[in-house]
Amino acid sequence: MAQDAVTADPNRYAVELENDDVRVLRIKYGPGEKSVMHGHPRSLGVALTDVHVRFTSPDGSTEEARFNAGDAAWFPETEHLPENLGDQPLEMIFVEFKG
């Protein structure tokens, strides 16, 4: 798996809570900001703002996603480089499942 998100991009990924079962991240991107390639285990994301994001995979393929504030989404284990395509800040809570 690619580098851990918090290690790879600590300016955008912060640990809010961690225990033996989960790690909860707060994710913040400014308008148009792009991260670096990193990975996540199986996760549940909750959008705190409206989100329009592009995910670039290690093989160069891309996928865009949109979420409204309050939406929840399931994410399988993944490696990606996210980019906020919106003109507003993006904020999410991301619950990463361990084991």
C-alpha atoms as a PDB file:
ATOM      1  CA  MET A   1       0.000   0.000   0.000  1.00  0.00           C
ATOM      2  CA  ALA A   2       1.073   3.581  -0.661  1.00  0.00           C
ATOM      3  CA  GLN A   3       2.209   5.845   2.136  1.00  0.00           C
ATOM      4  CA  ASP A   4      -0.221   6.627   4.972  1.00  0.00           C
ATOM      5  CA  ALA A   5      -2.287   9.793   4.336  1.00  0.00           C
ATOM      6  CA  VAL A   6      -1.329  11.512   7.609  1.00  0.00           C
ATOM      7  CA  THR A   7       2.371  10.864   7.019  1.00  0.00           C
ATOM      8  CA  ALA A   8       2.216  11.799   3.325  1.00  0.00           C
ATOM      9  CA  ASP A   9       0.129  14.977   3.724  1.00  0.00           C
ATOM     10  CA  PRO A  10      -0.087  16.158   7.359  1.00  0.00           C
ATOM     11  CA  ASN A  11      -1.327  19.614   6.306  1.00  0.00           C
ATOM     12  CA  ARG A  12      -4.586  18.097   5.021  1.00  0.00           C
ATOM     13  CA  TYR A  13      -5.037  14.923   7.128  1.00  0.00           C
ATOM     14  CA  ALA A  14      -5.281  15.042  10.930  1.00  0.00           C
ATOM     15  CA  VAL A  15      -6.033  12.226  13.367  1.00  0.00           C
ATOM     16  CA  GLU A  16      -9.064  13.103  15.519  1.00  0.00           C
ATOM     17  CA  LEU A  17      -9.324   9.747  17.328  1.00  0.00           C
ATOM     18  CA  GLU A  18      -7.554   6.401  17.193  1.00  0.00           C
ATOM     19  CA  ASN A  19      -8.072   3.117  18.999  1.00  0.00           C
ATOM     20  CA  ASP A  20      -7.637  -0.611  18.300  1.00  0.00           C
ATOM     21  CA  ASP A  21     -10.612  -0.658  15.893  1.00  0.00           C
ATOM     22  CA  VAL A  22     -10.616   2.631  13.962  1.00  0.00           C
ATOM     23  CA  ARG A  23      -8.705   5.760  13.125  1.00  0.00           C
ATOM     24  CA  VAL A  24     -10.782   8.895  12.524  1.00  0.00           C
ATOM     25  CA  LEU A  25      -9.302  11.525  10.225  1.00  0.00           C
ATOM     26  CA  ARG A  26     -10.364  15.088   9.531  1.00  0.00           C
ATOM     27  CA  ILE A  27      -9.591  15.962   5.920  1.00  0.00           C
ATOM     28  CA  LYS A  28      -9.356  19.581   4.722  1.00  0.00           C
ATOM     29  CA  TYR A  29      -8.504  20.847   1.232  1.00  0.00           C
ATOM     30  CA  GLY A  30      -8.605  24.393  -0.015  1.00  0.00           C
ATOM     31  CA  PRO A  31     -10.212  25.203  -3.377  1.00  0.00           C
ATOM     32  CA  GLY A  32      -8.252  23.536  -6.181  1.00  0.00           C
ATOM     33  CA  GLU A  33      -5.749  21.891  -3.816  1.00  0.00           C
ATOM     34  CA  LYS A  34      -4.184  18.557  -4.688  1.00  0.00           C
ATOM     35  CA  SER A  35      -2.615  16.003  -2.340  1.00  0.00           C
ATOM     36  CA  VAL A  36       0.086  13.405  -3.004  1.00  0.00           C
ATOM     37  CA  MET A  37      -0.319   9.687  -3.675  1.00  0.00           C
ATOM     38  CA  HIS A  38      -1.296   7.878  -0.466  1.00  0.00           C
ATOM     39  CA  GLY A  39      -3.405   4.971   0.750  1.00  0.00           C
ATOM     40  CA  HIS A  40      -6.320   4.195   3.059  1.00  0.00           C
ATOM     41  CA  PRO A  41      -7.718   0.924   4.403  1.00  0.00           C
ATOM     42  CA  ARG A  42     -11.490   0.258   4.147  1.00  0.00           C
ATOM     43  CA  SER A  43     -13.136   3.508   5.198  1.00  0.00           C
ATOM     44  CA  LEU A  44     -16.367   5.392   5.732  1.00  0.00           C
ATOM     45  CA  GLY A  45     -16.358   9.059   4.717  1.00  0.00           C
ATOM     46  CA  VAL A  46     -18.810  11.752   5.812  1.00  0.00           C
ATOM     47  CA  ALA A  47     -18.813  15.016   3.867  1.00  0.00           C
ATOM     48  CA  LEU A  48     -18.965  18.113   6.065  1.00  0.00           C
ATOM     49  CA  THR A  49     -19.086  20.378   2.999  1.00  0.00           C
ATOM     50  CA  ASP A  50     -20.204  19.857  -0.585  1.00  0.00           C
ATOM     51  CA  VAL A  51     -17.437  17.909  -2.331  1.00  0.00           C
ATOM     52  CA  HIS A  52     -16.304  17.644  -5.949  1.00  0.00           C
ATOM     53  CA  VAL A  53     -13.091  15.631  -6.093  1.00  0.00           C
ATOM     54  CA  ARG A  54     -10.937  13.822  -8.634  1.00  0.00           C
ATOM     55  CA  PHE A  55      -9.061  10.694  -7.561  1.00  0.00           C
ATOM     56  CA  THR A  56      -6.005   9.701  -9.611  1.00  0.00           C
ATOM     57  CA  SER A  57      -4.912   6.067  -9.178  1.00  0.00           C
ATOM     58  CA  PRO A  58      -1.295   4.845  -9.305  1.00  0.00           C
ATOM     59  CA  ASP A  59      -1.899   3.616 -12.882  1.00  0.00           C
ATOM     60  CA  GLY A  60      -2.918   7.152 -13.954  1.00  0.00           C
ATOM     61  CA  SER A  61      -6.640   6.461 -14.315  1.00  0.00           C
ATOM     62  CA  THR A  62      -8.989   9.053 -12.807  1.00  0.00           C
ATOM     63  CA  GLU A  63     -12.438   9.093 -11.282  1.00  0.00           C
ATOM     64  CA  GLU A  64     -14.520  12.079 -10.200  1.00  0.00           C
ATOM     65  CA  ALA A  65     -16.959  12.016  -7.290  1.00  0.00           C
ATOM     66  CA  ARG A  66     -19.485  14.465  -5.842  1.00  0.00           C
ATOM     67  CA  PHE A  67     -21.003  14.431  -2.380  1.00  0.00           C
ATOM     68  CA  ASN A  68     -23.364  16.844  -0.680  1.00  0.00           C
ATOM     69  CA  ALA A  69     -22.685  18.009   2.859  1.00  0.00           C
ATOM     70  CA  GLY A  70     -23.989  15.284   5.174  1.00  0.00           C
ATOM     71  CA  ASP A  71     -23.559  12.431   2.673  1.00  0.00           C
ATOM     72  CA  ALA A  72     -21.823   9.254   3.832  1.00  0.00           C
ATOM     73  CA  ALA A  73     -19.913   6.952   1.475  1.00  0.00           C
ATOM     74  CA  TRP A  74     -18.098   3.624   1.744  1.00  0.00           C
ATOM     75  CA  PHE A  75     -14.586   3.339   0.303  1.00  0.00           C
ATOM     76  CA  PRO A  76     -12.724   0.051  -0.250  1.00  0.00           C
ATOM     77  CA  GLU A  77      -8.994  -0.109   0.491  1.00  0.00           C
ATOM     78  CA  THR A  78      -7.460   2.321  -1.967  1.00  0.00           C
ATOM     79  CA  GLU A  79      -4.409   4.213  -3.163  1.00  0.00           C
ATOM     80  CA  HIS A  80      -5.043   7.584  -4.778  1.00  0.00           C
ATOM     81  CA  LEU A  81      -4.089  11.208  -5.251  1.00  0.00           C
ATOM     82  CA  PRO A  82      -7.133  13.417  -4.494  1.00  0.00           C
ATOM     83  CA  GLU A  83      -7.738  16.885  -5.934  1.00  0.00           C
ATOM     84  CA  ASN A  84     -10.473  19.303  -4.820  1.00  0.00           C
ATOM     85  CA  LEU A  85     -12.164  20.377  -8.064  1.00  0.00           C
ATOM     86  CA  GLY A  86     -14.480  22.742  -6.233  1.00  0.00           C
ATOM     87  CA  ASP A  87     -14.083  26.478  -5.718  1.00  0.00           C
ATOM     88  CA  GLN A  88     -14.830  26.127  -1.992  1.00  0.00           C
ATOM     89  CA  PRO A  89     -12.951  24.374   0.840  1.00  0.00           C
ATOM     90  CA  LEU A  90     -13.559  20.634   1.148  1.00  0.00           C
ATOM     91  CA  GLU A  91     -13.885  19.016   4.583  1.00  0.00           C
ATOM     92  CA  MET A  92     -14.631  15.389   5.465  1.00  0.00           C
ATOM     93  CA  ILE A  93     -14.486  13.014   8.404  1.00  0.00           C
ATOM     94  CA  PHE A  94     -12.948   9.700   7.353  1.00  0.00           C
ATOM     95  CA  VAL A  95     -13.247   6.579   9.552  1.00  0.00           C
ATOM     96  CA  GLU A  96     -10.552   4.049   8.641  1.00  0.00           C
ATOM     97  CA  PHE A  97     -11.242   0.486   9.805  1.00  0.00           C
ATOM     98  CA  LYS A  98      -8.410  -1.589  11.218  1.00  0.00           C
ATOM     99  CA  GLY A  99      -8.081  -5.334  10.806  1.00  0.00           C
END
